[in-house]
C-alpha atoms as a PDB file:
ATOM      1  CA  MET A   1     186.438 -55.974  -9.569  1.00  0.00           C
ATOM      2  CA  THR A   2     186.341 -59.163  -7.518  1.00  0.00           C
ATOM      3  CA  PRO A   3     187.503 -58.689  -3.916  1.00  0.00           C
ATOM      4  CA  PRO A   4     190.400 -60.881  -2.744  1.00  0.00           C
ATOM      5  CA  ASP A   5     189.595 -64.123  -0.925  1.00  0.00           C
ATOM      6  CA  ARG A   6     191.262 -62.707   2.140  1.00  0.00           C
ATOM      7  CA  ASP A   7     192.607 -59.222   2.763  1.00  0.00           C
ATOM      8  CA  ARG A   8     196.339 -59.184   3.372  1.00  0.00           C
ATOM      9  CA  ASP A   9     198.864 -56.504   4.272  1.00  0.00           C
ATOM     10  CA  GLU A  10     202.123 -55.921   2.424  1.00  0.00           C
ATOM     11  CA  LEU A  11     203.784 -58.741   4.404  1.00  0.00           C
ATOM     12  CA  GLY A  12     201.050 -61.228   3.529  1.00  0.00           C
ATOM     13  CA  ARG A  13     199.449 -61.244   6.994  1.00  0.00           C
ATOM     14  CA  ALA A  14     195.674 -61.523   7.117  1.00  0.00           C
ATOM     15  CA  ARG A  15     193.982 -58.157   7.635  1.00  0.00           C
ATOM     16  CA  GLN A  16     190.332 -57.271   7.493  1.00  0.00           C
ATOM     17  CA  ALA A  17     189.793 -54.457   5.012  1.00  0.00           C
ATOM     18  CA  ARG A  18     186.021 -54.897   4.766  1.00  0.00           C
ATOM     19  CA  PRO A  19     184.013 -52.301   6.627  1.00  0.00           C
ATOM     20  CA  ARG A  20     182.330 -53.437   9.835  1.00  0.00           C
ATOM     21  CA  ASP A  21     179.252 -52.399  11.754  1.00  0.00           C
ATOM     22  CA  ALA A  22     179.368 -51.290  15.402  1.00  0.00           C
ATOM     23  CA  LEU A  23     179.170 -54.925  16.551  1.00  0.00           C
ATOM     24  CA  GLY A  24     182.047 -56.050  14.358  1.00  0.00           C
ATOM     25  CA  ARG A  25     179.986 -57.762  11.670  1.00  0.00           C
ATOM     26  CA  PRO A  26     181.508 -57.437   8.185  1.00  0.00           C
ATOM     27  CA  LEU A  27     179.645 -55.264   5.721  1.00  0.00           C
ATOM     28  CA  PRO A  28     179.843 -55.442   1.932  1.00  0.00           C
ATOM     29  CA  TYR A  29     182.894 -53.840   0.326  1.00  0.00           C
ATOM     30  CA  GLY A  30     182.105 -50.201  -0.341  1.00  0.00           C
ATOM     31  CA  ALA A  31     179.582 -49.894   2.501  1.00  0.00           C
ATOM     32  CA  GLU A  32     180.159 -47.342   5.234  1.00  0.00           C
ATOM     33  CA  GLY A  33     181.089 -48.883   8.552  1.00  0.00           C
ATOM     34  CA  VAL A  34     182.480 -47.677  11.858  1.00  0.00           C
ATOM     35  CA  GLU A  35     186.010 -46.347  12.084  1.00  0.00           C
ATOM     36  CA  PRO A  36     188.385 -49.290  12.579  1.00  0.00           C
ATOM     37  CA  VAL A  37     190.623 -49.365  15.635  1.00  0.00           C
ATOM     38  CA  SER A  38     194.377 -49.594  15.402  1.00  0.00           C
ATOM     39  CA  GLU A  39     195.937 -53.032  15.637  1.00  0.00           C
ATOM     40  CA  GLU A  40     198.911 -51.489  17.447  1.00  0.00           C
ATOM     41  CA  PRO A  41     198.953 -52.101  21.204  1.00  0.00           C
ATOM     42  CA  LEU A  42     198.519 -49.122  23.486  1.00  0.00           C
ATOM     43  CA  PRO A  43     200.077 -48.700  26.947  1.00  0.00           C
ATOM     44  CA  PRO A  44     197.909 -50.212  29.712  1.00  0.00           C
ATOM     45  CA  LEU A  45     196.092 -47.083  30.918  1.00  0.00           C
ATOM     46  CA  GLU A  46     195.478 -45.891  27.354  1.00  0.00           C
ATOM     47  CA  THR A  47     194.145 -49.351  26.482  1.00  0.00           C
ATOM     48  CA  ILE A  48     191.672 -49.161  29.359  1.00  0.00           C
ATOM     49  CA  SER A  49     190.617 -45.622  28.447  1.00  0.00           C
ATOM     50  CA  GLU A  50     190.092 -46.512  24.785  1.00  0.00           C
ATOM     51  CA  ALA A  51     188.171 -49.699  25.620  1.00  0.00           C
ATOM     52  CA  ARG A  52     185.891 -47.715  27.956  1.00  0.00           C
ATOM     53  CA  ARG A  53     185.271 -45.093  25.279  1.00  0.00           C
ATOM     54  CA  LEU A  54     184.372 -47.748  22.728  1.00  0.00           C
ATOM     55  CA  LEU A  55     182.051 -49.512  25.166  1.00  0.00           C
ATOM     56  CA  ALA A  56     180.320 -46.205  25.898  1.00  0.00           C
ATOM     57  CA  GLU A  57     179.792 -45.809  22.128  1.00  0.00           C
ATOM     58  CA  GLY A  58     178.153 -49.247  21.944  1.00  0.00           C
ATOM     59  CA  ARG A  59     181.168 -50.870  20.270  1.00  0.00           C
ATOM     60  CA  PRO A  60     182.120 -53.862  22.449  1.00  0.00           C
ATOM     61  CA  PHE A  61     183.738 -55.674  19.494  1.00  0.00           C
ATOM     62  CA  SER A  62     186.102 -52.745  18.909  1.00  0.00           C
ATOM     63  CA  ALA A  63     186.846 -52.603  22.646  1.00  0.00           C
ATOM     64  CA  HIS A  64     187.739 -56.285  22.422  1.00  0.00           C
ATOM     65  CA  GLU A  65     190.155 -55.551  19.556  1.00  0.00           C
ATOM     66  CA  VAL A  66     191.924 -52.839  21.575  1.00  0.00           C
ATOM     67  CA  LEU A  67     192.233 -55.184  24.565  1.00  0.00           C
ATOM     68  CA  GLU A  68     193.372 -58.045  22.327  1.00  0.00           C
ATOM     69  CA  ALA A  69     196.179 -55.912  20.882  1.00  0.00           C
ATOM     70  CA  ARG A  70     197.390 -55.253  24.447  1.00  0.00           C
ATOM     71  CA  TRP A  71     197.024 -58.929  25.391  1.00  0.00           C
ATOM     72  CA  LYS A  72     199.195 -60.017  22.458  1.00  0.00           C
ATOM     73  CA  ASP A  73     201.915 -57.519  23.444  1.00  0.00           C
ATOM     74  CA  CYS A  74     201.828 -57.609  27.250  1.00  0.00           C
ATOM     75  CA  PRO A  75     204.210 -59.341  29.655  1.00  0.00           C
ATOM     76  CA  GLU A  76     203.331 -63.025  30.114  1.00  0.00           C
ATOM     77  CA  ALA A  77     202.229 -62.453  33.725  1.00  0.00           C
ATOM     78  CA  GLU A  78     199.553 -59.961  32.597  1.00  0.00           C
ATOM     79  CA  ARG A  79     198.113 -62.111  29.821  1.00  0.00           C
ATOM     80  CA  PRO A  80     195.151 -63.418  31.916  1.00  0.00           C
ATOM     81  CA  LEU A  81     194.135 -59.830  32.741  1.00  0.00           C
ATOM     82  CA  TRP A  82     193.999 -58.579  29.163  1.00  0.00           C
ATOM     83  CA  GLN A  83     192.619 -61.808  27.757  1.00  0.00           C
ATOM     84  CA  GLY A  84     189.903 -61.909  30.411  1.00  0.00           C
ATOM     85  CA  LEU A  85     188.900 -58.303  29.718  1.00  0.00           C
ATOM     86  CA  ALA A  86     188.830 -58.982  25.975  1.00  0.00           C
ATOM     87  CA  GLN A  87     186.630 -62.030  26.526  1.00  0.00           C
ATOM     88  CA  LEU A  88     184.165 -59.993  28.593  1.00  0.00           C
ATOM     89  CA  CYS A  89     183.855 -57.623  25.622  1.00  0.00           C
ATOM     90  CA  VAL A  90     183.320 -60.497  23.192  1.00  0.00           C
ATOM     91  CA  GLY A  91     180.608 -61.772  25.523  1.00  0.00           C
ATOM     92  CA  LEU A  92     178.956 -58.355  25.410  1.00  0.00           C
ATOM     93  CA  THR A  93     179.263 -58.438  21.613  1.00  0.00           C
ATOM     94  CA  HIS A  94     177.480 -61.791  21.451  1.00  0.00           C
ATOM     95  CA  ALA A  95     174.748 -60.503  23.758  1.00  0.00           C
ATOM     96  CA  ALA A  96     174.206 -57.453  21.544  1.00  0.00           C
ATOM     97  CA  ARG A  97     174.053 -59.738  18.500  1.00  0.00           C
ATOM     98  CA  GLY A  98     171.298 -61.774  20.171  1.00  0.00           C
ATOM     99  CA  LYS A  99     173.435 -64.833  20.953  1.00  0.00           C
ATOM    100  CA  PRO A 100     172.863 -65.412  24.688  1.00  0.00           C
ATOM    101  CA  VAL A 101     174.542 -68.836  24.974  1.00  0.00           C
ATOM    102  CA  GLY A 102     177.804 -67.619  23.424  1.00  0.00           C
ATOM    103  CA  ALA A 103     177.578 -64.434  25.466  1.00  0.00           C
ATOM    104  CA  GLN A 104     177.347 -66.297  28.760  1.00  0.00           C
ATOM    105  CA  ARG A 105     180.123 -68.716  27.829  1.00  0.00           C
ATOM    106  CA  LEU A 106     182.550 -65.975  26.906  1.00  0.00           C
ATOM    107  CA  VAL A 107     181.750 -63.847  29.935  1.00  0.00           C
ATOM    108  CA  GLU A 108     182.311 -66.864  32.192  1.00  0.00           C
ATOM    109  CA  ARG A 109     185.557 -67.723  30.413  1.00  0.00           C
ATOM    110  CA  GLY A 110     186.742 -64.132  30.866  1.00  0.00           C
ATOM    111  CA  ALA A 111     185.540 -64.083  34.468  1.00  0.00           C
ATOM    112  CA  GLY A 112     187.546 -67.220  35.191  1.00  0.00           C
ATOM    113  CA  ARG A 113     190.723 -65.622  33.873  1.00  0.00           C
ATOM    114  CA  LEU A 114     190.110 -62.452  35.859  1.00  0.00           C
ATOM    115  CA  GLU A 115     189.222 -64.292  39.079  1.00  0.00           C
ATOM    116  CA  ALA A 116     192.474 -66.271  38.841  1.00  0.00           C
ATOM    117  CA  TYR A 117     194.559 -63.201  37.999  1.00  0.00           C
ATOM    118  CA  VAL A 118     196.974 -61.894  40.584  1.00  0.00           C
ATOM    119  CA  GLY A 119     198.813 -58.752  39.576  1.00  0.00           C
ATOM    120  CA  GLU A 120     198.512 -55.109  38.609  1.00  0.00           C
ATOM    121  CA  THR A 121     194.954 -54.185  37.625  1.00  0.00           C
ATOM    122  CA  TYR A 122     195.638 -50.560  36.623  1.00  0.00           C
ATOM    123  CA  GLY A 123     192.894 -49.296  38.922  1.00  0.00           C
ATOM    124  CA  LEU A 124     190.201 -51.636  37.592  1.00  0.00           C
ATOM    125  CA  ASP A 125     187.722 -53.232  39.987  1.00  0.00           C
ATOM    126  CA  LEU A 126     187.699 -56.675  38.380  1.00  0.00           C
ATOM    127  CA  ASP A 127     184.871 -57.995  40.572  1.00  0.00           C
ATOM    128  CA  ALA A 128     182.639 -55.084  39.538  1.00  0.00           C
ATOM    129  CA  LEU A 129     183.514 -55.552  35.857  1.00  0.00           C
ATOM    130  CA  VAL A 130     182.662 -59.256  35.973  1.00  0.00           C
ATOM    131  CA  SER A 131     179.432 -58.556  37.843  1.00  0.00           C
ATOM    132  CA  CYS A 132     178.429 -55.895  35.327  1.00  0.00           C
ATOM    133  CA  ALA A 133     179.185 -58.137  32.343  1.00  0.00           C
ATOM    134  CA  ARG A 134     177.266 -61.024  33.883  1.00  0.00           C
ATOM    135  CA  SER A 135     174.223 -58.848  34.492  1.00  0.00           C
ATOM    136  CA  ARG A 136     174.309 -57.524  30.918  1.00  0.00           C
ATOM    137  CA  VAL A 137     174.369 -60.968  29.323  1.00  0.00           C
ATOM    138  CA  THR A 138     171.775 -62.589  31.604  1.00  0.00           C
ATOM    139  CA  GLY A 139     169.445 -59.693  32.182  1.00  0.00           C
END
C-alpha cells in the first residue's frame, strides 16, 4: 500500500500520522516511534508540567508541540510567552539534532519574545529558562 502524500484528518486538515523519534524526526511508516502528544491545548499549568516532563525525557520537540498547542489557543496577550517557550524548545531540538546555527537562532528568537513579555508567567523564571537554553545550545 502506498502511503498518502500527506496525512489528513477527517476534516481534511494536515496531520502527521508517521511515527517520530524522540527528536521529532519522521520515521518510516510501520516503525515504532515515541508516543505522540495531543494536539489539544492544555490549561497553562498543565502545559508547563507536561512540557517539563517531556524535556526531562529528552523530548524537546514534543515539549514544543505541547507549548505550541497552548500558544495557538491562548489569549492574544499571552501569545509571546507561549511562542517564546515553544521556540526555546525548538532551539533545544536543533541542538540535539546537531544543528548549532539553527539552535542559537531559535533560542534567541524565543528569548526575545520572553524578554519583551509582560504578563502572567505561571511561576516560571523566564530569565533562568533563557539562560539555561542559551547554555545548552552554546555549550
